[in-house]
């Protein structure tokens, strides 16, 4: 990522593209621990806890997104 002599609008576009790429990778990352637990032969209570944690990963990410962006905590909604 190049930071010098970039307009705010261009920087926002670049960051949005980078974030979008990470969001697209998220489902695979969320499924990976589930495959690991399924193959590990973990006790049922451990497997259930792992499934619960993996399911909550999406809640955490959406909550962080809302707090930092949709709530306009950092003034990102201003029209530049």
PDB file of N, CA and C in Angstrom:
ATOM      1  N   UNK A   1       0.854  -1.176   0.000  1.00  0.00           N
ATOM      2  CA  UNK A   1       0.000   0.000   0.000  1.00  0.00           C
ATOM      3  C   UNK A   1       0.895   1.233   0.000  1.00  0.00           C
ATOM      4  N   UNK A   2       0.626   2.141  -0.902  1.00  0.00           N
ATOM      5  CA  UNK A   2       1.430   3.345  -1.051  1.00  0.00           C
ATOM      6  C   UNK A   2       0.709   4.498  -0.357  1.00  0.00           C
ATOM      7  N   UNK A   3       1.397   5.218   0.524  1.00  0.00           N
ATOM      8  CA  UNK A   3       0.739   6.248   1.326  1.00  0.00           C
ATOM      9  C   UNK A   3       1.047   7.676   0.898  1.00  0.00           C
ATOM     10  N   UNK A   4       2.105   7.897   0.165  1.00  0.00           N
ATOM     11  CA  UNK A   4       2.489   9.261  -0.169  1.00  0.00           C
ATOM     12  C   UNK A   4       1.690   9.801  -1.345  1.00  0.00           C
ATOM     13  N   UNK A   5       1.328  11.068  -1.220  1.00  0.00           N
ATOM     14  CA  UNK A   5       0.646  11.791  -2.299  1.00  0.00           C
ATOM     15  C   UNK A   5      -0.602  11.077  -2.795  1.00  0.00           C
ATOM     16  N   UNK A   6      -1.371  10.584  -1.880  1.00  0.00           N
ATOM     17  CA  UNK A   6      -2.631   9.933  -2.236  1.00  0.00           C
ATOM     18  C   UNK A   6      -3.753  10.771  -1.622  1.00  0.00           C
ATOM     19  N   UNK A   7      -4.785  10.992  -2.389  1.00  0.00           N
ATOM     20  CA  UNK A   7      -5.894  11.793  -1.871  1.00  0.00           C
ATOM     21  C   UNK A   7      -6.665  10.981  -0.830  1.00  0.00           C
ATOM     22  N   UNK A   8      -7.397  11.680  -0.016  1.00  0.00           N
ATOM     23  CA  UNK A   8      -8.204  11.005   0.995  1.00  0.00           C
ATOM     24  C   UNK A   8      -9.208  10.073   0.332  1.00  0.00           C
ATOM     25  N   UNK A   9      -9.837  10.536  -0.715  1.00  0.00           N
ATOM     26  CA  UNK A   9     -10.817   9.703  -1.428  1.00  0.00           C
ATOM     27  C   UNK A   9     -10.161   8.430  -1.975  1.00  0.00           C
ATOM     28  N   UNK A  10      -8.966   8.565  -2.563  1.00  0.00           N
ATOM     29  CA  UNK A  10      -8.258   7.393  -3.095  1.00  0.00           C
ATOM     30  C   UNK A  10      -7.849   6.449  -1.968  1.00  0.00           C
ATOM     31  N   UNK A  11      -7.419   7.009  -0.847  1.00  0.00           N
ATOM     32  CA  UNK A  11      -7.048   6.174   0.300  1.00  0.00           C
ATOM     33  C   UNK A  11      -8.259   5.405   0.818  1.00  0.00           C
ATOM     34  N   UNK A  12      -9.407   6.068   0.851  1.00  0.00           N
ATOM     35  CA  UNK A  12     -10.630   5.397   1.305  1.00  0.00           C
ATOM     36  C   UNK A  12     -11.010   4.269   0.349  1.00  0.00           C
ATOM     37  N   UNK A  13     -10.881   4.502  -0.951  1.00  0.00           N
ATOM     38  CA  UNK A  13     -11.170   3.441  -1.930  1.00  0.00           C
ATOM     39  C   UNK A  13     -10.230   2.257  -1.743  1.00  0.00           C
ATOM     40  N   UNK A  14      -8.952   2.564  -1.538  1.00  0.00           N
ATOM     41  CA  UNK A  14      -7.960   1.502  -1.370  1.00  0.00           C
ATOM     42  C   UNK A  14      -8.229   0.696  -0.095  1.00  0.00           C
ATOM     43  N   UNK A  15      -8.531   1.380   0.986  1.00  0.00           N
ATOM     44  CA  UNK A  15      -8.821   0.675   2.239  1.00  0.00           C
ATOM     45  C   UNK A  15     -10.100  -0.153   2.124  1.00  0.00           C
ATOM     46  N   UNK A  16     -11.103   0.381   1.446  1.00  0.00           N
ATOM     47  CA  UNK A  16     -12.342  -0.376   1.245  1.00  0.00           C
ATOM     48  C   UNK A  16     -12.068  -1.658   0.458  1.00  0.00           C
ATOM     49  N   UNK A  17     -11.219  -1.558  -0.569  1.00  0.00           N
ATOM     50  CA  UNK A  17     -10.879  -2.741  -1.368  1.00  0.00           C
ATOM     51  C   UNK A  17     -10.129  -3.768  -0.530  1.00  0.00           C
ATOM     52  N   UNK A  18      -9.193  -3.299   0.296  1.00  0.00           N
ATOM     53  CA  UNK A  18      -8.452  -4.221   1.159  1.00  0.00           C
ATOM     54  C   UNK A  18      -9.375  -4.891   2.172  1.00  0.00           C
ATOM     55  N   UNK A  19     -10.264  -4.112   2.777  1.00  0.00           N
ATOM     56  CA  UNK A  19     -11.202  -4.681   3.752  1.00  0.00           C
ATOM     57  C   UNK A  19     -12.154  -5.660   3.080  1.00  0.00           C
ATOM     58  N   UNK A  20     -12.622  -5.322   1.892  1.00  0.00           N
ATOM     59  CA  UNK A  20     -13.534  -6.221   1.168  1.00  0.00           C
ATOM     60  C   UNK A  20     -12.872  -7.559   0.874  1.00  0.00           C
ATOM     61  N   UNK A  21     -11.600  -7.524   0.522  1.00  0.00           N
ATOM     62  CA  UNK A  21     -10.878  -8.770   0.250  1.00  0.00           C
ATOM     63  C   UNK A  21     -10.808  -9.634   1.502  1.00  0.00           C
ATOM     64  N   UNK A  22     -10.601  -9.000   2.651  1.00  0.00           N
ATOM     65  CA  UNK A  22     -10.551  -9.768   3.899  1.00  0.00           C
ATOM     66  C   UNK A  22     -11.923 -10.340   4.250  1.00  0.00           C
ATOM     67  N   UNK A  23     -12.966  -9.564   4.020  1.00  0.00           N
ATOM     68  CA  UNK A  23     -14.327 -10.036   4.302  1.00  0.00           C
ATOM     69  C   UNK A  23     -14.656 -11.245   3.432  1.00  0.00           C
ATOM     70  N   UNK A  24     -14.212 -11.212   2.183  1.00  0.00           N
ATOM     71  CA  UNK A  24     -14.463 -12.345   1.288  1.00  0.00           C
ATOM     72  C   UNK A  24     -13.741 -13.602   1.754  1.00  0.00           C
ATOM     73  N   UNK A  25     -12.609 -13.445   2.427  1.00  0.00           N
ATOM     74  CA  UNK A  25     -11.853 -14.594   2.927  1.00  0.00           C
ATOM     75  C   UNK A  25     -12.408 -15.128   4.243  1.00  0.00           C
ATOM     76  N   UNK A  26     -13.252 -14.368   4.907  1.00  0.00           N
ATOM     77  CA  UNK A  26     -13.718 -14.723   6.247  1.00  0.00           C
ATOM     78  C   UNK A  26     -14.421 -16.077   6.333  1.00  0.00           C
ATOM     79  N   UNK A  27     -15.363 -16.414   5.441  1.00  0.00           N
ATOM     80  CA  UNK A  27     -16.049 -17.713   5.588  1.00  0.00           C
ATOM     81  C   UNK A  27     -15.092 -18.908   5.614  1.00  0.00           C
ATOM     82  N   UNK A  28     -14.051 -18.864   4.808  1.00  0.00           N
ATOM     83  CA  UNK A  28     -13.080 -19.966   4.823  1.00  0.00           C
ATOM     84  C   UNK A  28     -12.333 -19.998   6.152  1.00  0.00           C
ATOM     85  N   UNK A  29     -11.993 -18.838   6.661  1.00  0.00           N
ATOM     86  CA  UNK A  29     -11.312 -18.767   7.953  1.00  0.00           C
ATOM     87  C   UNK A  29     -12.195 -19.222   9.094  1.00  0.00           C
ATOM     88  N   UNK A  30     -13.476 -18.957   8.986  1.00  0.00           N
ATOM     89  CA  UNK A  30     -14.412 -19.384  10.021  1.00  0.00           C
ATOM     90  C   UNK A  30     -14.616 -20.899   9.968  1.00  0.00           C
ATOM     91  N   UNK A  31     -14.564 -21.486   8.789  1.00  0.00           N
ATOM     92  CA  UNK A  31     -14.785 -22.927   8.642  1.00  0.00           C
ATOM     93  C   UNK A  31     -13.559 -23.746   9.038  1.00  0.00           C
ATOM     94  N   UNK A  32     -12.378 -23.168   8.938  1.00  0.00           N
ATOM     95  CA  UNK A  32     -11.148 -23.920   9.208  1.00  0.00           C
ATOM     96  C   UNK A  32     -11.100 -24.517  10.614  1.00  0.00           C
ATOM     97  N   UNK A  33     -11.387 -23.752  11.676  1.00  0.00           N
ATOM     98  CA  UNK A  33     -11.347 -24.380  13.004  1.00  0.00           C
ATOM     99  C   UNK A  33     -12.405 -25.478  13.171  1.00  0.00           C
ATOM    100  N   UNK A  34     -13.524 -25.347  12.470  1.00  0.00           N
ATOM    101  CA  UNK A  34     -14.559 -26.385  12.557  1.00  0.00           C
ATOM    102  C   UNK A  34     -14.068 -27.687  11.941  1.00  0.00           C
ATOM    103  N   UNK A  35     -13.369 -27.588  10.821  1.00  0.00           N
ATOM    104  CA  UNK A  35     -12.795 -28.798  10.207  1.00  0.00           C
ATOM    105  C   UNK A  35     -11.748 -29.418  11.125  1.00  0.00           C
ATOM    106  N   UNK A  36     -10.938 -28.579  11.739  1.00  0.00           N
ATOM    107  CA  UNK A  36      -9.906 -29.070  12.649  1.00  0.00           C
ATOM    108  C   UNK A  36     -10.533 -29.814  13.826  1.00  0.00           C
ATOM    109  N   UNK A  37     -11.541 -29.224  14.442  1.00  0.00           N
ATOM    110  CA  UNK A  37     -12.194 -29.858  15.594  1.00  0.00           C
ATOM    111  C   UNK A  37     -12.861 -31.160  15.174  1.00  0.00           C
ATOM    112  N   UNK A  38     -13.509 -31.162  14.024  1.00  0.00           N
ATOM    113  CA  UNK A  38     -14.185 -32.377  13.553  1.00  0.00           C
ATOM    114  C   UNK A  38     -13.185 -33.513  13.349  1.00  0.00           C
ATOM    115  N   UNK A  39     -12.005 -33.184  12.866  1.00  0.00           N
ATOM    116  CA  UNK A  39     -10.998 -34.213  12.597  1.00  0.00           C
ATOM    117  C   UNK A  39     -10.197 -34.595  13.840  1.00  0.00           C
ATOM    118  N   UNK A  40     -10.292 -33.798  14.898  1.00  0.00           N
ATOM    119  CA  UNK A  40      -9.437 -34.016  16.067  1.00  0.00           C
ATOM    120  C   UNK A  40      -9.950 -35.088  17.020  1.00  0.00           C
ATOM    121  N   UNK A  41     -11.225 -35.421  16.907  1.00  0.00           N
ATOM    122  CA  UNK A  41     -11.784 -36.377  17.858  1.00  0.00           C
ATOM    123  C   UNK A  41     -11.956 -35.775  19.243  1.00  0.00           C
ATOM    124  N   UNK A  42     -12.106 -34.455  19.299  1.00  0.00           N
ATOM    125  CA  UNK A  42     -12.273 -33.774  20.582  1.00  0.00           C
ATOM    126  C   UNK A  42     -13.557 -34.235  21.264  1.00  0.00           C
ATOM    127  N   UNK A  43     -13.585 -34.188  22.589  1.00  0.00           N
ATOM    128  CA  UNK A  43     -14.812 -34.538  23.310  1.00  0.00           C
ATOM    129  C   UNK A  43     -15.963 -33.632  22.858  1.00  0.00           C
ATOM    130  N   UNK A  44     -17.201 -34.118  22.957  1.00  0.00           N
ATOM    131  CA  UNK A  44     -18.353 -33.338  22.476  1.00  0.00           C
ATOM    132  C   UNK A  44     -18.441 -31.931  23.059  1.00  0.00           C
ATOM    133  N   UNK A  45     -18.113 -31.772  24.336  1.00  0.00           N
ATOM    134  CA  UNK A  45     -18.224 -30.434  24.940  1.00  0.00           C
ATOM    135  C   UNK A  45     -17.175 -29.480  24.363  1.00  0.00           C
ATOM    136  N   UNK A  46     -16.007 -29.993  24.023  1.00  0.00           N
ATOM    137  CA  UNK A  46     -14.978 -29.151  23.394  1.00  0.00           C
ATOM    138  C   UNK A  46     -15.393 -28.801  21.967  1.00  0.00           C
ATOM    139  N   UNK A  47     -15.909 -29.778  21.246  1.00  0.00           N
ATOM    140  CA  UNK A  47     -16.368 -29.532  19.874  1.00  0.00           C
ATOM    141  C   UNK A  47     -17.494 -28.505  19.865  1.00  0.00           C
ATOM    142  N   UNK A  48     -18.419 -28.616  20.825  1.00  0.00           N
ATOM    143  CA  UNK A  48     -19.531 -27.655  20.903  1.00  0.00           C
ATOM    144  C   UNK A  48     -19.010 -26.253  21.206  1.00  0.00           C
ATOM    145  N   UNK A  49     -18.043 -26.147  22.109  1.00  0.00           N
ATOM    146  CA  UNK A  49     -17.467 -24.837  22.439  1.00  0.00           C
ATOM    147  C   UNK A  49     -16.762 -24.237  21.222  1.00  0.00           C
ATOM    148  N   UNK A  50     -16.053 -25.067  20.473  1.00  0.00           N
ATOM    149  CA  UNK A  50     -15.364 -24.579  19.271  1.00  0.00           C
ATOM    150  C   UNK A  50     -16.367 -24.100  18.231  1.00  0.00           C
ATOM    151  N   UNK A  51     -17.452 -24.841  18.045  1.00  0.00           N
ATOM    152  CA  UNK A  51     -18.490 -24.410  17.091  1.00  0.00           C
ATOM    153  C   UNK A  51     -19.102 -23.087  17.534  1.00  0.00           C
ATOM    154  N   UNK A  52     -19.345 -22.948  18.822  1.00  0.00           N
ATOM    155  CA  UNK A  52     -19.919 -21.717  19.361  1.00  0.00           C
ATOM    156  C   UNK A  52     -18.978 -20.529  19.112  1.00  0.00           C
ATOM    157  N   UNK A  53     -17.697 -20.720  19.393  1.00  0.00           N
ATOM    158  CA  UNK A  53     -16.717 -19.643  19.182  1.00  0.00           C
ATOM    159  C   UNK A  53     -16.612 -19.264  17.708  1.00  0.00           C
ATOM    160  N   UNK A  54     -16.583 -20.269  16.840  1.00  0.00           N
ATOM    161  CA  UNK A  54     -16.483 -19.992  15.402  1.00  0.00           C
ATOM    162  C   UNK A  54     -17.715 -19.238  14.912  1.00  0.00           C
ATOM    163  N   UNK A  55     -18.889 -19.602  15.413  1.00  0.00           N
ATOM    164  CA  UNK A  55     -20.117 -18.908  15.013  1.00  0.00           C
ATOM    165  C   UNK A  55     -20.107 -17.463  15.492  1.00  0.00           C
ATOM    166  N   UNK A  56     -19.527 -17.212  16.657  1.00  0.00           N
ATOM    167  CA  UNK A  56     -19.502 -15.858  17.202  1.00  0.00           C
ATOM    168  C   UNK A  56     -18.451 -14.968  16.560  1.00  0.00           C
ATOM    169  N   UNK A  57     -17.535 -15.543  15.789  1.00  0.00           N
ATOM    170  CA  UNK A  57     -16.535 -14.720  15.099  1.00  0.00           C
ATOM    171  C   UNK A  57     -17.226 -13.681  14.216  1.00  0.00           C
ATOM    172  N   UNK A  58     -18.274 -14.071  13.533  1.00  0.00           N
ATOM    173  CA  UNK A  58     -18.999 -13.144  12.665  1.00  0.00           C
ATOM    174  C   UNK A  58     -19.672 -12.039  13.449  1.00  0.00           C
ATOM    175  N   UNK A  59     -20.190 -12.361  14.631  1.00  0.00           N
ATOM    176  CA  UNK A  59     -20.813 -11.343  15.472  1.00  0.00           C
ATOM    177  C   UNK A  59     -19.787 -10.306  15.909  1.00  0.00           C
ATOM    178  N   UNK A  60     -18.597 -10.763  16.265  1.00  0.00           N
ATOM    179  CA  UNK A  60     -17.564  -9.849  16.713  1.00  0.00           C
ATOM    180  C   UNK A  60     -17.167  -8.905  15.586  1.00  0.00           C
ATOM    181  N   UNK A  61     -16.962  -9.447  14.407  1.00  0.00           N
ATOM    182  CA  UNK A  61     -16.529  -8.622  13.282  1.00  0.00           C
ATOM    183  C   UNK A  61     -17.595  -7.593  12.925  1.00  0.00           C
ATOM    184  N   UNK A  62     -18.862  -8.006  12.882  1.00  0.00           N
ATOM    185  CA  UNK A  62     -19.905  -7.039  12.535  1.00  0.00           C
ATOM    186  C   UNK A  62     -20.054  -5.985  13.622  1.00  0.00           C
ATOM    187  N   UNK A  63     -19.866  -6.362  14.886  1.00  0.00           N
ATOM    188  CA  UNK A  63     -19.951  -5.389  15.975  1.00  0.00           C
ATOM    189  C   UNK A  63     -18.824  -4.372  15.892  1.00  0.00           C
ATOM    190  N   UNK A  64     -17.624  -4.836  15.611  1.00  0.00           N
ATOM    191  CA  UNK A  64     -16.482  -3.930  15.488  1.00  0.00           C
ATOM    192  C   UNK A  64     -16.690  -2.994  14.301  1.00  0.00           C
ATOM    193  N   UNK A  65     -17.178  -3.544  13.185  1.00  0.00           N
ATOM    194  CA  UNK A  65     -17.451  -2.698  12.016  1.00  0.00           C
ATOM    195  C   UNK A  65     -18.451  -1.607  12.382  1.00  0.00           C
ATOM    196  N   UNK A  66     -19.543  -1.981  13.018  1.00  0.00           N
ATOM    197  CA  UNK A  66     -20.566  -0.998  13.356  1.00  0.00           C
ATOM    198  C   UNK A  66     -19.980   0.069  14.267  1.00  0.00           C
ATOM    199  N   UNK A  67     -19.254  -0.350  15.302  1.00  0.00           N
ATOM    200  CA  UNK A  67     -18.713   0.601  16.261  1.00  0.00           C
ATOM    201  C   UNK A  67     -17.791   1.606  15.591  1.00  0.00           C
ATOM    202  N   UNK A  68     -16.923   1.138  14.725  1.00  0.00           N
ATOM    203  CA  UNK A  68     -15.925   2.027  14.141  1.00  0.00           C
ATOM    204  C   UNK A  68     -16.417   2.802  12.932  1.00  0.00           C
ATOM    205  N   UNK A  69     -17.379   2.269  12.187  1.00  0.00           N
ATOM    206  CA  UNK A  69     -17.764   2.908  10.931  1.00  0.00           C
ATOM    207  C   UNK A  69     -19.203   3.410  10.928  1.00  0.00           C
ATOM    208  N   UNK A  70     -20.150   2.529  11.151  1.00  0.00           N
ATOM    209  CA  UNK A  70     -21.548   2.939  11.071  1.00  0.00           C
ATOM    210  C   UNK A  70     -21.930   3.912  12.183  1.00  0.00           C
ATOM    211  N   UNK A  71     -21.313   3.805  13.344  1.00  0.00           N
ATOM    212  CA  UNK A  71     -21.617   4.728  14.434  1.00  0.00           C
ATOM    213  C   UNK A  71     -20.995   6.098  14.187  1.00  0.00           C
ATOM    214  N   UNK A  72     -20.145   6.193  13.176  1.00  0.00           N
ATOM    215  CA  UNK A  72     -19.413   7.412  12.823  1.00  0.00           C
ATOM    216  C   UNK A  72     -18.516   7.881  13.967  1.00  0.00           C
ATOM    217  N   UNK A  73     -18.023   6.943  14.732  1.00  0.00           N
ATOM    218  CA  UNK A  73     -17.138   7.271  15.853  1.00  0.00           C
ATOM    219  C   UNK A  73     -15.954   8.123  15.412  1.00  0.00           C
ATOM    220  N   UNK A  74     -15.410   7.845  14.259  1.00  0.00           N
ATOM    221  CA  UNK A  74     -14.229   8.564  13.798  1.00  0.00           C
ATOM    222  C   UNK A  74     -14.540   9.541  12.671  1.00  0.00           C
ATOM    223  N   UNK A  75     -15.805   9.867  12.497  1.00  0.00           N
ATOM    224  CA  UNK A  75     -16.170  10.849  11.490  1.00  0.00           C
ATOM    225  C   UNK A  75     -15.962  10.374  10.067  1.00  0.00           C
ATOM    226  N   UNK A  76     -16.080   9.072   9.837  1.00  0.00           N
ATOM    227  CA  UNK A  76     -15.832   8.536   8.502  1.00  0.00           C
ATOM    228  C   UNK A  76     -16.991   8.762   7.548  1.00  0.00           C
ATOM    229  N   UNK A  77     -18.150   9.151   8.053  1.00  0.00           N
ATOM    230  CA  UNK A  77     -19.322   9.310   7.194  1.00  0.00           C
ATOM    231  C   UNK A  77     -19.362  10.681   6.519  1.00  0.00           C
ATOM    232  N   UNK A  78     -18.460  11.562   6.894  1.00  0.00           N
ATOM    233  CA  UNK A  78     -18.455  12.887   6.269  1.00  0.00           C
ATOM    234  C   UNK A  78     -18.186  12.764   4.785  1.00  0.00           C
ATOM    235  N   UNK A  79     -18.792  13.627   4.032  1.00  0.00           N
ATOM    236  CA  UNK A  79     -18.591  13.631   2.584  1.00  0.00           C
ATOM    237  C   UNK A  79     -17.330  14.428   2.273  1.00  0.00           C
ATOM    238  N   UNK A  80     -16.306  13.765   1.771  1.00  0.00           N
ATOM    239  CA  UNK A  80     -15.041  14.438   1.476  1.00  0.00           C
ATOM    240  C   UNK A  80     -14.994  14.861   0.052  1.00  0.00           C
TER     241      UNK A  80
END
